[in-house]
ModelCIF file with pLDDT and N, C-alpha, C, O atoms, coordinates in Angstrom:
data_MODEL
#
_entry.id   MODEL 
#
_entity.id                         1 
_entity.type                       polymer 
_entity.pdbx_number_of_molecules   1 
#
_entity_poly.entity_id                      1 
_entity_poly.type                           'polypeptide(L)' 
_entity_poly.nstd_linkage                   no 
_entity_poly.nstd_monomer                   no 
_entity_poly.pdbx_seq_one_letter_code       QPGGSLRLSCAASGFALGDHAIAWFRQAPGKE 
_entity_poly.pdbx_seq_one_letter_code_can   QPGGSLRLSCAASGFALGDHAIAWFRQAPGKE 
_entity_poly.pdbx_strand_id                 A 
#
loop_
_entity_poly_seq.entity_id 
_entity_poly_seq.num 
_entity_poly_seq.mon_id 
_entity_poly_seq.hetero 
1 1  GLN n 
1 2  PRO n 
1 3  GLY n 
1 4  GLY n 
1 5  SER n 
1 6  LEU n 
1 7  ARG n 
1 8  LEU n 
1 9  SER n 
1 10 CYS n 
1 11 ALA n 
1 12 ALA n 
1 13 SER n 
1 14 GLY n 
1 15 PHE n 
1 16 ALA n 
1 17 LEU n 
1 18 GLY n 
1 19 ASP n 
1 20 HIS n 
1 21 ALA n 
1 22 ILE n 
1 23 ALA n 
1 24 TRP n 
1 25 PHE n 
1 26 ARG n 
1 27 GLN n 
1 28 ALA n 
1 29 PRO n 
1 30 GLY n 
1 31 LYS n 
1 32 GLU n 
#
_struct_asym.id          A 
_struct_asym.entity_id   1 
#
loop_
_ma_qa_metric.id 
_ma_qa_metric.mode 
_ma_qa_metric.name 
_ma_qa_metric.software_group_id 
_ma_qa_metric.type 
1 global pLDDT . pLDDT 
2 local  pLDDT . pLDDT 
#
_ma_qa_metric_global.metric_id      1 
_ma_qa_metric_global.metric_value   95.66 
_ma_qa_metric_global.model_id       1 
_ma_qa_metric_global.ordinal_id     1 
#
loop_
_ma_qa_metric_local.label_asym_id 
_ma_qa_metric_local.label_comp_id 
_ma_qa_metric_local.label_seq_id 
_ma_qa_metric_local.metric_id 
_ma_qa_metric_local.metric_value 
_ma_qa_metric_local.model_id 
_ma_qa_metric_local.ordinal_id 
A GLN 1  2 98.00 1 1  
A PRO 2  2 98.00 1 2  
A GLY 3  2 98.00 1 3  
A GLY 4  2 98.00 1 4  
A SER 5  2 98.00 1 5  
A LEU 6  2 98.00 1 6  
A ARG 7  2 98.00 1 7  
A LEU 8  2 98.00 1 8  
A SER 9  2 98.00 1 9  
A CYS 10 2 97.00 1 10 
A ALA 11 2 97.00 1 11 
A ALA 12 2 96.00 1 12 
A SER 13 2 96.00 1 13 
A GLY 14 2 95.00 1 14 
A PHE 15 2 93.00 1 15 
A ALA 16 2 93.00 1 16 
A LEU 17 2 92.00 1 17 
A GLY 18 2 90.00 1 18 
A ASP 19 2 90.00 1 19 
A HIS 20 2 92.00 1 20 
A ALA 21 2 94.00 1 21 
A ILE 22 2 94.00 1 22 
A ALA 23 2 96.00 1 23 
A TRP 24 2 97.00 1 24 
A PHE 25 2 97.00 1 25 
A ARG 26 2 98.00 1 26 
A GLN 27 2 97.00 1 27 
A ALA 28 2 97.00 1 28 
A PRO 29 2 92.00 1 29 
A GLY 30 2 94.00 1 30 
A LYS 31 2 96.00 1 31 
A GLU 32 2 96.00 1 32 
#
loop_
_atom_site.group_PDB 
_atom_site.id 
_atom_site.type_symbol 
_atom_site.label_atom_id 
_atom_site.label_alt_id 
_atom_site.label_comp_id 
_atom_site.label_asym_id 
_atom_site.label_entity_id 
_atom_site.label_seq_id 
_atom_site.pdbx_PDB_ins_code 
_atom_site.Cartn_x 
_atom_site.Cartn_y 
_atom_site.Cartn_z 
_atom_site.occupancy 
_atom_site.B_iso_or_equiv 
_atom_site.pdbx_formal_charge 
_atom_site.auth_seq_id 
_atom_site.auth_comp_id 
_atom_site.auth_asym_id 
_atom_site.auth_atom_id 
_atom_site.pdbx_PDB_model_num 
ATOM 1   N N  . GLN A 1 1  ? -3.077  -27.610 18.490 1.00 98.00 ? 1  GLN A N  1 
ATOM 2   C CA . GLN A 1 1  ? -4.306  -27.839 18.821 1.00 98.00 ? 1  GLN A CA 1 
ATOM 3   C C  . GLN A 1 1  ? -5.437  -26.866 19.056 1.00 98.00 ? 1  GLN A C  1 
ATOM 4   O O  . GLN A 1 1  ? -5.607  -25.733 18.606 1.00 98.00 ? 1  GLN A O  1 
ATOM 5   N N  . PRO A 1 2  ? -6.339  -27.773 20.072 1.00 98.00 ? 2  PRO A N  1 
ATOM 6   C CA . PRO A 1 2  ? -7.267  -26.607 20.132 1.00 98.00 ? 2  PRO A CA 1 
ATOM 7   C C  . PRO A 1 2  ? -6.645  -26.324 21.208 1.00 98.00 ? 2  PRO A C  1 
ATOM 8   O O  . PRO A 1 2  ? -5.969  -27.049 21.937 1.00 98.00 ? 2  PRO A O  1 
ATOM 9   N N  . GLY A 1 3  ? -7.011  -24.763 21.310 1.00 98.00 ? 3  GLY A N  1 
ATOM 10  C CA . GLY A 1 3  ? -7.195  -24.013 22.701 1.00 98.00 ? 3  GLY A CA 1 
ATOM 11  C C  . GLY A 1 3  ? -6.103  -23.225 21.841 1.00 98.00 ? 3  GLY A C  1 
ATOM 12  O O  . GLY A 1 3  ? -5.828  -22.094 22.244 1.00 98.00 ? 3  GLY A O  1 
ATOM 13  N N  . GLY A 1 4  ? -5.425  -23.717 20.656 1.00 98.00 ? 4  GLY A N  1 
ATOM 14  C CA . GLY A 1 4  ? -4.219  -23.229 20.694 1.00 98.00 ? 4  GLY A CA 1 
ATOM 15  C C  . GLY A 1 4  ? -4.645  -20.813 19.905 1.00 98.00 ? 4  GLY A C  1 
ATOM 16  O O  . GLY A 1 4  ? -5.707  -20.193 19.946 1.00 98.00 ? 4  GLY A O  1 
ATOM 17  N N  . SER A 1 5  ? -2.782  -20.188 19.196 1.00 98.00 ? 5  SER A N  1 
ATOM 18  C CA . SER A 1 5  ? -3.721  -19.354 18.299 1.00 98.00 ? 5  SER A CA 1 
ATOM 19  C C  . SER A 1 5  ? -2.735  -19.921 18.040 1.00 98.00 ? 5  SER A C  1 
ATOM 20  O O  . SER A 1 5  ? -1.995  -20.801 18.480 1.00 98.00 ? 5  SER A O  1 
ATOM 21  N N  . LEU A 1 6  ? -2.976  -18.488 16.295 1.00 98.00 ? 6  LEU A N  1 
ATOM 22  C CA . LEU A 1 6  ? -1.911  -18.296 14.963 1.00 98.00 ? 6  LEU A CA 1 
ATOM 23  C C  . LEU A 1 6  ? -1.803  -16.651 15.528 1.00 98.00 ? 6  LEU A C  1 
ATOM 24  O O  . LEU A 1 6  ? -2.020  -15.979 16.536 1.00 98.00 ? 6  LEU A O  1 
ATOM 25  N N  . ARG A 1 7  ? -1.214  -16.503 13.857 1.00 98.00 ? 7  ARG A N  1 
ATOM 26  C CA . ARG A 1 7  ? -0.898  -14.567 13.494 1.00 98.00 ? 7  ARG A CA 1 
ATOM 27  C C  . ARG A 1 7  ? -1.317  -15.075 12.303 1.00 98.00 ? 7  ARG A C  1 
ATOM 28  O O  . ARG A 1 7  ? -1.372  -16.238 12.701 1.00 98.00 ? 7  ARG A O  1 
ATOM 29  N N  . LEU A 1 8  ? -1.663  -15.151 11.146 1.00 98.00 ? 8  LEU A N  1 
ATOM 30  C CA . LEU A 1 8  ? -2.023  -14.387 10.335 1.00 98.00 ? 8  LEU A CA 1 
ATOM 31  C C  . LEU A 1 8  ? -1.204  -13.210 9.896  1.00 98.00 ? 8  LEU A C  1 
ATOM 32  O O  . LEU A 1 8  ? -1.180  -12.178 10.568 1.00 98.00 ? 8  LEU A O  1 
ATOM 33  N N  . SER A 1 9  ? -0.601  -13.335 8.892  1.00 98.00 ? 9  SER A N  1 
ATOM 34  C CA . SER A 1 9  ? -0.773  -12.186 7.849  1.00 98.00 ? 9  SER A CA 1 
ATOM 35  C C  . SER A 1 9  ? -0.572  -12.225 6.639  1.00 98.00 ? 9  SER A C  1 
ATOM 36  O O  . SER A 1 9  ? -0.333  -13.287 6.064  1.00 98.00 ? 9  SER A O  1 
ATOM 37  N N  . CYS A 1 10 ? -0.655  -10.645 5.807  1.00 97.00 ? 10 CYS A N  1 
ATOM 38  C CA . CYS A 1 10 ? -1.119  -10.713 4.947  1.00 97.00 ? 10 CYS A CA 1 
ATOM 39  C C  . CYS A 1 10 ? -0.333  -9.632  3.737  1.00 97.00 ? 10 CYS A C  1 
ATOM 40  O O  . CYS A 1 10 ? -0.871  -8.576  3.403  1.00 97.00 ? 10 CYS A O  1 
ATOM 41  N N  . ALA A 1 11 ? 0.690   -9.984  3.301  1.00 97.00 ? 11 ALA A N  1 
ATOM 42  C CA . ALA A 1 11 ? 1.201   -8.899  2.225  1.00 97.00 ? 11 ALA A CA 1 
ATOM 43  C C  . ALA A 1 11 ? 0.662   -8.833  1.198  1.00 97.00 ? 11 ALA A C  1 
ATOM 44  O O  . ALA A 1 11 ? 0.261   -9.766  0.501  1.00 97.00 ? 11 ALA A O  1 
ATOM 45  N N  . ALA A 1 12 ? 0.569   -7.115  0.903  1.00 96.00 ? 12 ALA A N  1 
ATOM 46  C CA . ALA A 1 12 ? -0.422  -6.933  0.159  1.00 96.00 ? 12 ALA A CA 1 
ATOM 47  C C  . ALA A 1 12 ? 1.497   -5.939  -1.087 1.00 96.00 ? 12 ALA A C  1 
ATOM 48  O O  . ALA A 1 12 ? 2.498   -5.352  -0.675 1.00 96.00 ? 12 ALA A O  1 
ATOM 49  N N  . SER A 1 13 ? 0.937   -6.361  -2.764 1.00 96.00 ? 13 SER A N  1 
ATOM 50  C CA . SER A 1 13 ? 2.528   -5.303  -2.762 1.00 96.00 ? 13 SER A CA 1 
ATOM 51  C C  . SER A 1 13 ? 0.729   -4.777  -4.458 1.00 96.00 ? 13 SER A C  1 
ATOM 52  O O  . SER A 1 13 ? -0.429  -5.153  -4.636 1.00 96.00 ? 13 SER A O  1 
ATOM 53  N N  . GLY A 1 14 ? 1.881   -3.623  -5.279 1.00 95.00 ? 14 GLY A N  1 
ATOM 54  C CA . GLY A 1 14 ? 0.783   -3.262  -6.437 1.00 95.00 ? 14 GLY A CA 1 
ATOM 55  C C  . GLY A 1 14 ? -0.320  -2.466  -6.250 1.00 95.00 ? 14 GLY A C  1 
ATOM 56  O O  . GLY A 1 14 ? -1.017  -2.098  -7.197 1.00 95.00 ? 14 GLY A O  1 
ATOM 57  N N  . PHE A 1 15 ? -0.663  -1.996  -4.441 1.00 93.00 ? 15 PHE A N  1 
ATOM 58  C CA . PHE A 1 15 ? -2.075  -1.752  -4.360 1.00 93.00 ? 15 PHE A CA 1 
ATOM 59  C C  . PHE A 1 15 ? -1.390  -1.114  -2.397 1.00 93.00 ? 15 PHE A C  1 
ATOM 60  O O  . PHE A 1 15 ? -0.789  -1.944  -1.714 1.00 93.00 ? 15 PHE A O  1 
ATOM 61  N N  . ALA A 1 16 ? -1.615  0.245   -1.872 1.00 93.00 ? 16 ALA A N  1 
ATOM 62  C CA . ALA A 1 16 ? -2.381  -0.737  -0.660 1.00 93.00 ? 16 ALA A CA 1 
ATOM 63  C C  . ALA A 1 16 ? -4.265  -0.290  0.142  1.00 93.00 ? 16 ALA A C  1 
ATOM 64  O O  . ALA A 1 16 ? -5.227  0.475   0.065  1.00 93.00 ? 16 ALA A O  1 
ATOM 65  N N  . LEU A 1 17 ? -3.508  -1.857  1.077  1.00 92.00 ? 17 LEU A N  1 
ATOM 66  C CA . LEU A 1 17 ? -4.351  -1.346  1.209  1.00 92.00 ? 17 LEU A CA 1 
ATOM 67  C C  . LEU A 1 17 ? -5.569  -0.278  2.362  1.00 92.00 ? 17 LEU A C  1 
ATOM 68  O O  . LEU A 1 17 ? -6.791  -0.289  2.508  1.00 92.00 ? 17 LEU A O  1 
ATOM 69  N N  . GLY A 1 18 ? -4.731  0.329   2.820  1.00 90.00 ? 18 GLY A N  1 
ATOM 70  C CA . GLY A 1 18 ? -4.896  1.768   3.150  1.00 90.00 ? 18 GLY A CA 1 
ATOM 71  C C  . GLY A 1 18 ? -6.204  2.669   2.038  1.00 90.00 ? 18 GLY A C  1 
ATOM 72  O O  . GLY A 1 18 ? -7.120  3.485   2.142  1.00 90.00 ? 18 GLY A O  1 
ATOM 73  N N  . ASP A 1 19 ? -5.683  2.057   1.278  1.00 90.00 ? 19 ASP A N  1 
ATOM 74  C CA . ASP A 1 19 ? -7.111  2.636   0.886  1.00 90.00 ? 19 ASP A CA 1 
ATOM 75  C C  . ASP A 1 19 ? -7.858  1.976   -0.781 1.00 90.00 ? 19 ASP A C  1 
ATOM 76  O O  . ASP A 1 19 ? -8.002  2.219   -1.979 1.00 90.00 ? 19 ASP A O  1 
ATOM 77  N N  . HIS A 1 20 ? -8.162  0.917   0.415  1.00 92.00 ? 20 HIS A N  1 
ATOM 78  C CA . HIS A 1 20 ? -9.928  0.235   0.228  1.00 92.00 ? 20 HIS A CA 1 
ATOM 79  C C  . HIS A 1 20 ? -10.299 -0.587  1.875  1.00 92.00 ? 20 HIS A C  1 
ATOM 80  O O  . HIS A 1 20 ? -9.652  -0.622  2.922  1.00 92.00 ? 20 HIS A O  1 
ATOM 81  N N  . ALA A 1 21 ? -11.444 -1.091  1.535  1.00 94.00 ? 21 ALA A N  1 
ATOM 82  C CA . ALA A 1 21 ? -12.462 -1.903  1.948  1.00 94.00 ? 21 ALA A CA 1 
ATOM 83  C C  . ALA A 1 21 ? -10.995 -3.565  2.552  1.00 94.00 ? 21 ALA A C  1 
ATOM 84  O O  . ALA A 1 21 ? -10.402 -4.254  1.723  1.00 94.00 ? 21 ALA A O  1 
ATOM 85  N N  . ILE A 1 22 ? -10.841 -3.716  4.129  1.00 94.00 ? 22 ILE A N  1 
ATOM 86  C CA . ILE A 1 22 ? -10.014 -5.628  3.916  1.00 94.00 ? 22 ILE A CA 1 
ATOM 87  C C  . ILE A 1 22 ? -10.866 -6.658  4.530  1.00 94.00 ? 22 ILE A C  1 
ATOM 88  O O  . ILE A 1 22 ? -11.939 -6.613  5.131  1.00 94.00 ? 22 ILE A O  1 
ATOM 89  N N  . ALA A 1 23 ? -10.249 -7.377  4.272  1.00 96.00 ? 23 ALA A N  1 
ATOM 90  C CA . ALA A 1 23 ? -11.121 -8.824  5.309  1.00 96.00 ? 23 ALA A CA 1 
ATOM 91  C C  . ALA A 1 23 ? -10.679 -9.928  5.108  1.00 96.00 ? 23 ALA A C  1 
ATOM 92  O O  . ALA A 1 23 ? -9.984  -10.187 4.125  1.00 96.00 ? 23 ALA A O  1 
ATOM 93  N N  . TRP A 1 24 ? -10.923 -10.568 5.784  1.00 97.00 ? 24 TRP A N  1 
ATOM 94  C CA . TRP A 1 24 ? -10.181 -11.946 6.304  1.00 97.00 ? 24 TRP A CA 1 
ATOM 95  C C  . TRP A 1 24 ? -11.255 -13.207 5.686  1.00 97.00 ? 24 TRP A C  1 
ATOM 96  O O  . TRP A 1 24 ? -12.275 -13.088 6.365  1.00 97.00 ? 24 TRP A O  1 
ATOM 97  N N  . PHE A 1 25 ? -11.405 -14.075 4.934  1.00 97.00 ? 25 PHE A N  1 
ATOM 98  C CA . PHE A 1 25 ? -12.225 -15.065 4.129  1.00 97.00 ? 25 PHE A CA 1 
ATOM 99  C C  . PHE A 1 25 ? -11.936 -16.674 5.550  1.00 97.00 ? 25 PHE A C  1 
ATOM 100 O O  . PHE A 1 25 ? -11.376 -16.587 6.643  1.00 97.00 ? 25 PHE A O  1 
ATOM 101 N N  . ARG A 1 26 ? -12.528 -17.830 4.949  1.00 98.00 ? 26 ARG A N  1 
ATOM 102 C CA . ARG A 1 26 ? -12.186 -18.770 5.162  1.00 98.00 ? 26 ARG A CA 1 
ATOM 103 C C  . ARG A 1 26 ? -13.197 -18.874 4.472  1.00 98.00 ? 26 ARG A C  1 
ATOM 104 O O  . ARG A 1 26 ? -14.208 -18.194 4.294  1.00 98.00 ? 26 ARG A O  1 
ATOM 105 N N  . GLN A 1 27 ? -12.448 -20.653 3.770  1.00 97.00 ? 27 GLN A N  1 
ATOM 106 C CA . GLN A 1 27 ? -13.663 -21.480 3.194  1.00 97.00 ? 27 GLN A CA 1 
ATOM 107 C C  . GLN A 1 27 ? -13.035 -23.503 4.190  1.00 97.00 ? 27 GLN A C  1 
ATOM 108 O O  . GLN A 1 27 ? -11.954 -23.930 3.785  1.00 97.00 ? 27 GLN A O  1 
ATOM 109 N N  . ALA A 1 28 ? -13.594 -24.164 5.012  1.00 97.00 ? 28 ALA A N  1 
ATOM 110 C CA . ALA A 1 28 ? -12.841 -25.315 4.683  1.00 97.00 ? 28 ALA A CA 1 
ATOM 111 C C  . ALA A 1 28 ? -13.917 -25.529 3.924  1.00 97.00 ? 28 ALA A C  1 
ATOM 112 O O  . ALA A 1 28 ? -14.864 -24.857 3.516  1.00 97.00 ? 28 ALA A O  1 
ATOM 113 N N  . PRO A 1 29 ? -13.237 -27.521 3.761  1.00 92.00 ? 29 PRO A N  1 
ATOM 114 C CA . PRO A 1 29 ? -13.867 -27.984 2.442  1.00 92.00 ? 29 PRO A CA 1 
ATOM 115 C C  . PRO A 1 29 ? -15.067 -29.005 2.875  1.00 92.00 ? 29 PRO A C  1 
ATOM 116 O O  . PRO A 1 29 ? -15.369 -29.870 3.697  1.00 92.00 ? 29 PRO A O  1 
ATOM 117 N N  . GLY A 1 30 ? -15.773 -27.911 1.146  1.00 94.00 ? 30 GLY A N  1 
ATOM 118 C CA . GLY A 1 30 ? -17.049 -28.683 0.900  1.00 94.00 ? 30 GLY A CA 1 
ATOM 119 C C  . GLY A 1 30 ? -17.922 -27.570 1.426  1.00 94.00 ? 30 GLY A C  1 
ATOM 120 O O  . GLY A 1 30 ? -19.114 -27.769 1.658  1.00 94.00 ? 30 GLY A O  1 
ATOM 121 N N  . LYS A 1 31 ? -17.406 -26.530 1.595  1.00 96.00 ? 31 LYS A N  1 
ATOM 122 C CA . LYS A 1 31 ? -17.828 -24.738 2.129  1.00 96.00 ? 31 LYS A CA 1 
ATOM 123 C C  . LYS A 1 31 ? -17.991 -24.195 0.939  1.00 96.00 ? 31 LYS A C  1 
ATOM 124 O O  . LYS A 1 31 ? -17.730 -24.675 -0.164 1.00 96.00 ? 31 LYS A O  1 
ATOM 125 N N  . GLU A 1 32 ? -18.581 -22.833 1.307  1.00 96.00 ? 32 GLU A N  1 
ATOM 126 C CA . GLU A 1 32 ? -18.923 -21.795 1.313  1.00 96.00 ? 32 GLU A CA 1 
ATOM 127 C C  . GLU A 1 32 ? -18.105 -21.557 1.602  1.00 96.00 ? 32 GLU A C  1 
ATOM 128 O O  . GLU A 1 32 ? -17.846 -20.373 1.817  1.00 96.00 ? 32 GLU A O  1 
#
């Protein structure tokens, strides 16, 4: 609901996250 919270996780394998710049993106329907 509006005002609520979530914690998203991203589990990586095959490489080390610490060796890269890392980011979160989002895409809504019909948008870039």
